[in-house]
C-alpha cells in the first residue's frame, strides 16, 4: 500500500498565522499573547518553507495586505524573550 503525500499550501499556513495574530490582539495576559505570537511566527516560517519547497520565490506577490516574508519574525515591540 502506497502512502499519499499531503501538501499544505503556504496560504493555509498564513491563514493560521493570521488567526494567531487575531487571538493575540485580544489577549490581556502577556504570556498568552507571547505564545500566540510565537505560534504565528512558526506558521509564517512554515509558509516560507512551503514556498521554498514548491520552488516559489518569497515575496513574489505584491499584495501588502497578506502576511508575507518575515513580517513577525522579529516584531519591534515584542514583550517576550527571543531565542
Protein backbone atom coordinates (compact mmCIF):
# COMPACT_ATOMS: atom_id res chain seq x y z
CA UNK A 1 0.00 0.00 0.00
CA UNK A 2 1.48 3.34 -1.03
CA UNK A 3 1.05 6.40 1.14
CA UNK A 4 -0.05 9.63 -0.50
CA UNK A 5 1.66 12.93 0.13
CA UNK A 6 -0.44 15.72 1.55
CA UNK A 7 0.76 19.15 0.51
CA UNK A 8 -0.33 22.05 2.63
CA UNK A 9 -0.16 25.40 0.92
CA UNK A 10 1.71 28.44 2.16
CA UNK A 11 -1.59 30.32 2.04
CA UNK A 12 -3.11 27.95 4.59
CA UNK A 13 -0.10 28.40 6.89
CA UNK A 14 -0.51 32.17 6.58
CA UNK A 15 -4.19 31.85 7.45
CA UNK A 16 -3.22 30.03 10.65
CA UNK A 17 -0.69 32.78 11.41
CA UNK A 18 -3.40 35.38 10.91
CA UNK A 19 -5.69 33.52 13.34
CA UNK A 20 -2.94 33.50 15.95
CA UNK A 21 -2.45 37.25 15.48
CA UNK A 22 -6.18 37.83 15.77
CA UNK A 23 -6.36 35.95 19.06
CA UNK A 24 -3.15 37.55 20.36
CA UNK A 25 -4.57 41.02 19.78
CA UNK A 26 -7.34 40.24 22.26
CA UNK A 27 -5.12 38.74 24.93
CA UNK A 28 -4.52 40.69 28.11
CA UNK A 29 -2.11 38.20 29.66
CA UNK A 30 1.40 38.86 28.31
CA UNK A 31 2.42 35.20 28.49
CA UNK A 32 -0.62 34.08 26.49
CA UNK A 33 -0.03 36.83 23.95
CA UNK A 34 3.62 35.80 23.63
CA UNK A 35 2.66 32.17 22.98
CA UNK A 36 0.24 33.18 20.23
CA UNK A 37 2.81 35.49 18.63
CA UNK A 38 5.37 32.69 18.66
CA UNK A 39 2.81 30.38 17.07
CA UNK A 40 2.19 32.99 14.36
CA UNK A 41 5.94 33.17 13.73
CA UNK A 42 6.10 29.40 13.41
CA UNK A 43 3.25 29.35 10.89
CA UNK A 44 5.00 32.06 8.86
CA UNK A 45 8.23 30.08 8.85
CA UNK A 46 6.30 27.04 7.64
CA UNK A 47 4.76 29.16 4.88
CA UNK A 48 8.21 30.31 3.79
CA UNK A 49 9.48 26.73 3.79
CA UNK A 50 6.45 25.55 1.79
CA UNK A 51 7.14 28.22 -0.81
CA UNK A 52 10.79 27.26 -0.94
CA UNK A 53 9.90 23.59 -1.33
CA UNK A 54 7.42 24.42 -4.08
CA UNK A 55 10.05 26.41 -5.96
CA UNK A 56 8.41 29.77 -5.40
CA UNK A 57 10.38 32.86 -4.61
CA UNK A 58 9.44 34.59 -1.38
CA UNK A 59 7.69 37.90 -1.93
CA UNK A 60 6.63 37.06 -5.48
CA UNK A 61 3.31 38.80 -4.93
CA UNK A 62 2.96 42.46 -4.13
CA UNK A 63 -0.22 42.24 -2.05
CA UNK A 64 0.81 44.05 1.11
CA UNK A 65 -2.39 43.08 2.94
CA UNK A 66 -1.25 39.49 3.24
CA UNK A 67 1.24 38.08 5.71
CA UNK A 68 4.41 37.67 3.70
CA UNK A 69 8.05 37.14 4.38
CA UNK A 70 9.33 37.84 7.83
CA UNK A 71 6.51 40.12 8.96
CA UNK A 72 6.55 38.84 12.54
CA UNK A 73 9.84 37.05 12.89
CA UNK A 74 11.29 39.97 14.86
CA UNK A 75 8.44 42.25 15.92
CA UNK A 76 9.81 45.58 17.17
CA UNK A 77 7.57 45.77 20.25
CA UNK A 78 7.84 42.15 21.38
CA UNK A 79 7.33 41.86 25.13
CA UNK A 80 8.72 38.35 25.36
CA UNK A 81 12.25 36.94 25.32
CA UNK A 82 13.63 35.89 21.95
CA UNK A 83 15.63 32.75 21.38
